[in-house]
Amino acid sequence: MSTSSDSNSRNIEEFRANHGRLGGSFAGAPVLLLHTRGRKASFCSDSGVR
């Protein structure tokens, strides 16, 4: 069983490898890769937004 974290990681890897383009259910849809840093811990996080 795949978790949403695994799915997000795969999508982020594909997004970066294909110059901002995704396949599958995201093909042709505008997608934003959001990179954030935590305010207190400075922890970096990436999220795909559709």
PDB file of N, CA and C in Angstrom:
ATOM      1  N   MET A   1       0.838  -1.179   0.000  1.00  0.00           N
ATOM      2  CA  MET A   1       0.000   0.000   0.000  1.00  0.00           C
ATOM      3  C   MET A   1       0.887   1.248   0.000  1.00  0.00           C
ATOM      4  N   SER A   2       0.561   2.202  -0.824  1.00  0.00           N
ATOM      5  CA  SER A   2       1.320   3.436  -0.969  1.00  0.00           C
ATOM      6  C   SER A   2       0.735   4.523  -0.071  1.00  0.00           C
ATOM      7  N   THR A   3       1.607   5.237   0.610  1.00  0.00           N
ATOM      8  CA  THR A   3       1.140   6.345   1.437  1.00  0.00           C
ATOM      9  C   THR A   3       1.163   7.631   0.614  1.00  0.00           C
ATOM     10  N   SER A   4       0.484   8.652   1.078  1.00  0.00           N
ATOM     11  CA  SER A   4       0.481   9.926   0.352  1.00  0.00           C
ATOM     12  C   SER A   4       1.882  10.537   0.329  1.00  0.00           C
ATOM     13  N   SER A   5       2.671  10.276   1.355  1.00  0.00           N
ATOM     14  CA  SER A   5       4.043  10.774   1.384  1.00  0.00           C
ATOM     15  C   SER A   5       4.870  10.137   0.269  1.00  0.00           C
ATOM     16  N   ASP A   6       4.708   8.815   0.058  1.00  0.00           N
ATOM     17  CA  ASP A   6       5.406   8.116  -1.021  1.00  0.00           C
ATOM     18  C   ASP A   6       4.973   8.666  -2.371  1.00  0.00           C
ATOM     19  N   SER A   7       3.685   8.867  -2.532  1.00  0.00           N
ATOM     20  CA  SER A   7       3.128   9.388  -3.776  1.00  0.00           C
ATOM     21  C   SER A   7       3.650  10.797  -4.043  1.00  0.00           C
ATOM     22  N   ASN A   8       3.662  11.635  -3.030  1.00  0.00           N
ATOM     23  CA  ASN A   8       4.182  13.000  -3.177  1.00  0.00           C
ATOM     24  C   ASN A   8       5.659  12.986  -3.566  1.00  0.00           C
ATOM     25  N   SER A   9       6.427  12.115  -2.928  1.00  0.00           N
ATOM     26  CA  SER A   9       7.856  12.026  -3.231  1.00  0.00           C
ATOM     27  C   SER A   9       8.087  11.626  -4.681  1.00  0.00           C
ATOM     28  N   ARG A  10       7.325  10.645  -5.162  1.00  0.00           N
ATOM     29  CA  ARG A  10       7.451  10.220  -6.564  1.00  0.00           C
ATOM     30  C   ARG A  10       7.074  11.348  -7.512  1.00  0.00           C
ATOM     31  N   ASN A  11       5.982  12.059  -7.207  1.00  0.00           N
ATOM     32  CA  ASN A  11       5.554  13.165  -8.057  1.00  0.00           C
ATOM     33  C   ASN A  11       6.580  14.292  -8.078  1.00  0.00           C
ATOM     34  N   ILE A  12       7.172  14.588  -6.940  1.00  0.00           N
ATOM     35  CA  ILE A  12       8.192  15.641  -6.859  1.00  0.00           C
ATOM     36  C   ILE A  12       9.423  15.246  -7.668  1.00  0.00           C
ATOM     37  N   GLU A  13       9.852  13.989  -7.558  1.00  0.00           N
ATOM     38  CA  GLU A  13      10.992  13.504  -8.341  1.00  0.00           C
ATOM     39  C   GLU A  13      10.698  13.600  -9.834  1.00  0.00           C
ATOM     40  N   GLU A  14       9.499  13.178 -10.251  1.00  0.00           N
ATOM     41  CA  GLU A  14       9.109  13.241 -11.657  1.00  0.00           C
ATOM     42  C   GLU A  14       9.042  14.687 -12.137  1.00  0.00           C
ATOM     43  N   PHE A  15       8.486  15.577 -11.328  1.00  0.00           N
ATOM     44  CA  PHE A  15       8.376  16.998 -11.649  1.00  0.00           C
ATOM     45  C   PHE A  15       9.759  17.585 -11.929  1.00  0.00           C
ATOM     46  N   ARG A  16      10.709  17.294 -11.070  1.00  0.00           N
ATOM     47  CA  ARG A  16      12.059  17.835 -11.225  1.00  0.00           C
ATOM     48  C   ARG A  16      12.781  17.206 -12.407  1.00  0.00           C
ATOM     49  N   ALA A  17      12.602  15.915 -12.617  1.00  0.00           N
ATOM     50  CA  ALA A  17      13.290  15.212 -13.705  1.00  0.00           C
ATOM     51  C   ALA A  17      12.774  15.619 -15.082  1.00  0.00           C
ATOM     52  N   ASN A  18      11.502  16.009 -15.166  1.00  0.00           N
ATOM     53  CA  ASN A  18      10.880  16.326 -16.460  1.00  0.00           C
ATOM     54  C   ASN A  18      10.625  17.817 -16.653  1.00  0.00           C
ATOM     55  N   HIS A  19      11.436  18.652 -16.006  1.00  0.00           N
ATOM     56  CA  HIS A  19      11.360  20.108 -16.187  1.00  0.00           C
ATOM     57  C   HIS A  19       9.969  20.669 -15.910  1.00  0.00           C
ATOM     58  N   GLY A  20       9.348  20.220 -14.823  1.00  0.00           N
ATOM     59  CA  GLY A  20       8.072  20.781 -14.391  1.00  0.00           C
ATOM     60  C   GLY A  20       6.846  20.139 -15.007  1.00  0.00           C
ATOM     61  N   ARG A  21       6.988  18.974 -15.604  1.00  0.00           N
ATOM     62  CA  ARG A  21       5.839  18.288 -16.213  1.00  0.00           C
ATOM     63  C   ARG A  21       5.627  16.942 -15.526  1.00  0.00           C
ATOM     64  N   LEU A  22       4.342  16.591 -15.347  1.00  0.00           N
ATOM     65  CA  LEU A  22       3.976  15.308 -14.756  1.00  0.00           C
ATOM     66  C   LEU A  22       3.106  14.533 -15.728  1.00  0.00           C
ATOM     67  N   GLY A  23       3.101  13.209 -15.581  1.00  0.00           N
ATOM     68  CA  GLY A  23       2.240  12.351 -16.385  1.00  0.00           C
ATOM     69  C   GLY A  23       1.086  11.841 -15.552  1.00  0.00           C
ATOM     70  N   GLY A  24       0.428  10.803 -16.043  1.00  0.00           N
ATOM     71  CA  GLY A  24      -0.679  10.187 -15.318  1.00  0.00           C
ATOM     72  C   GLY A  24      -1.851  11.127 -15.167  1.00  0.00           C
ATOM     73  N   SER A  25      -2.472  11.128 -14.004  1.00  0.00           N
ATOM     74  CA  SER A  25      -3.648  11.968 -13.777  1.00  0.00           C
ATOM     75  C   SER A  25      -3.310  13.458 -13.749  1.00  0.00           C
ATOM     76  N   PHE A  26      -2.020  13.794 -13.644  1.00  0.00           N
ATOM     77  CA  PHE A  26      -1.598  15.192 -13.632  1.00  0.00           C
ATOM     78  C   PHE A  26      -1.191  15.705 -15.014  1.00  0.00           C
ATOM     79  N   ALA A  27      -1.207  14.846 -16.031  1.00  0.00           N
ATOM     80  CA  ALA A  27      -0.765  15.229 -17.376  1.00  0.00           C
ATOM     81  C   ALA A  27      -1.576  16.414 -17.891  1.00  0.00           C
ATOM     82  N   GLY A  28      -0.888  17.457 -18.295  1.00  0.00           N
ATOM     83  CA  GLY A  28      -1.541  18.641 -18.842  1.00  0.00           C
ATOM     84  C   GLY A  28      -2.114  19.598 -17.813  1.00  0.00           C
ATOM     85  N   ALA A  29      -2.143  19.205 -16.553  1.00  0.00           N
ATOM     86  CA  ALA A  29      -2.689  20.073 -15.500  1.00  0.00           C
ATOM     87  C   ALA A  29      -1.577  20.984 -14.966  1.00  0.00           C
ATOM     88  N   PRO A  30      -1.907  22.227 -14.653  1.00  0.00           N
ATOM     89  CA  PRO A  30      -0.889  23.097 -14.042  1.00  0.00           C
ATOM     90  C   PRO A  30      -0.570  22.603 -12.627  1.00  0.00           C
ATOM     91  N   VAL A  31       0.711  22.480 -12.326  1.00  0.00           N
ATOM     92  CA  VAL A  31       1.153  21.989 -11.020  1.00  0.00           C
ATOM     93  C   VAL A  31       2.211  22.934 -10.474  1.00  0.00           C
ATOM     94  N   LEU A  32       2.131  23.235  -9.204  1.00  0.00           N
ATOM     95  CA  LEU A  32       3.097  24.097  -8.526  1.00  0.00           C
ATOM     96  C   LEU A  32       3.836  23.258  -7.492  1.00  0.00           C
ATOM     97  N   LEU A  33       5.156  23.312  -7.501  1.00  0.00           N
ATOM     98  CA  LEU A  33       5.948  22.657  -6.472  1.00  0.00           C
ATOM     99  C   LEU A  33       6.317  23.722  -5.445  1.00  0.00           C
ATOM    100  N   LEU A  34       5.760  23.599  -4.258  1.00  0.00           N
ATOM    101  CA  LEU A  34       5.940  24.592  -3.205  1.00  0.00           C
ATOM    102  C   LEU A  34       7.013  24.117  -2.226  1.00  0.00           C
ATOM    103  N   HIS A  35       8.038  24.920  -2.051  1.00  0.00           N
ATOM    104  CA  HIS A  35       9.133  24.602  -1.131  1.00  0.00           C
ATOM    105  C   HIS A  35       9.032  25.562   0.049  1.00  0.00           C
ATOM    106  N   THR A  36       8.867  25.018   1.245  1.00  0.00           N
ATOM    107  CA  THR A  36       8.722  25.856   2.435  1.00  0.00           C
ATOM    108  C   THR A  36       9.777  25.508   3.476  1.00  0.00           C
ATOM    109  N   ARG A  37      10.022  26.437   4.378  1.00  0.00           N
ATOM    110  CA  ARG A  37      10.958  26.228   5.479  1.00  0.00           C
ATOM    111  C   ARG A  37      10.248  26.586   6.767  1.00  0.00           C
ATOM    112  N   GLY A  38      10.318  25.701   7.757  1.00  0.00           N
ATOM    113  CA  GLY A  38       9.664  25.950   9.036  1.00  0.00           C
ATOM    114  C   GLY A  38      10.216  27.187   9.730  1.00  0.00           C
ATOM    115  N   ARG A  39       9.349  27.908  10.395  1.00  0.00           N
ATOM    116  CA  ARG A  39       9.744  29.173  11.027  1.00  0.00           C
ATOM    117  C   ARG A  39      10.729  28.970  12.182  1.00  0.00           C
ATOM    118  N   LYS A  40      10.466  27.982  13.028  1.00  0.00           N
ATOM    119  CA  LYS A  40      11.312  27.795  14.201  1.00  0.00           C
ATOM    120  C   LYS A  40      12.438  26.800  13.975  1.00  0.00           C
ATOM    121  N   ALA A  41      12.136  25.659  13.371  1.00  0.00           N
ATOM    122  CA  ALA A  41      13.128  24.595  13.246  1.00  0.00           C
ATOM    123  C   ALA A  41      13.911  24.671  11.934  1.00  0.00           C
ATOM    124  N   SER A  42      13.508  25.551  11.014  1.00  0.00           N
ATOM    125  CA  SER A  42      14.152  25.681   9.703  1.00  0.00           C
ATOM    126  C   SER A  42      14.131  24.375   8.922  1.00  0.00           C
ATOM    127  N   PHE A  43      13.118  23.545   9.177  1.00  0.00           N
ATOM    128  CA  PHE A  43      12.944  22.286   8.471  1.00  0.00           C
ATOM    129  C   PHE A  43      12.364  22.569   7.090  1.00  0.00           C
ATOM    130  N   CYS A  44      13.002  22.034   6.032  1.00  0.00           N
ATOM    131  CA  CYS A  44      12.531  22.267   4.660  1.00  0.00           C
ATOM    132  C   CYS A  44      11.536  21.198   4.259  1.00  0.00           C
ATOM    133  N   SER A  45      10.530  21.599   3.492  1.00  0.00           N
ATOM    134  CA  SER A  45       9.492  20.679   3.051  1.00  0.00           C
ATOM    135  C   SER A  45       9.065  21.057   1.642  1.00  0.00           C
ATOM    136  N   ASP A  46       8.793  20.026   0.799  1.00  0.00           N
ATOM    137  CA  ASP A  46       8.277  20.233  -0.549  1.00  0.00           C
ATOM    138  C   ASP A  46       6.882  19.648  -0.638  1.00  0.00           C
ATOM    139  N   SER A  47       5.987  20.348  -1.324  1.00  0.00           N
ATOM    140  CA  SER A  47       4.632  19.877  -1.523  1.00  0.00           C
ATOM    141  C   SER A  47       4.211  20.179  -2.947  1.00  0.00           C
ATOM    142  N   GLY A  48       3.530  19.223  -3.550  1.00  0.00           N
ATOM    143  CA  GLY A  48       2.968  19.442  -4.875  1.00  0.00           C
ATOM    144  C   GLY A  48       1.542  19.957  -4.726  1.00  0.00           C
ATOM    145  N   VAL A  49       1.200  20.997  -5.471  1.00  0.00           N
ATOM    146  CA  VAL A  49      -0.132  21.594  -5.399  1.00  0.00           C
ATOM    147  C   VAL A  49      -0.736  21.568  -6.782  1.00  0.00           C
ATOM    148  N   ARG A  50      -1.949  21.086  -6.868  1.00  0.00           N
ATOM    149  CA  ARG A  50      -2.634  21.031  -8.151  1.00  0.00           C
ATOM    150  C   ARG A  50      -3.828  21.933  -8.132  1.00  0.00           C
TER     151      ARG A  50
END
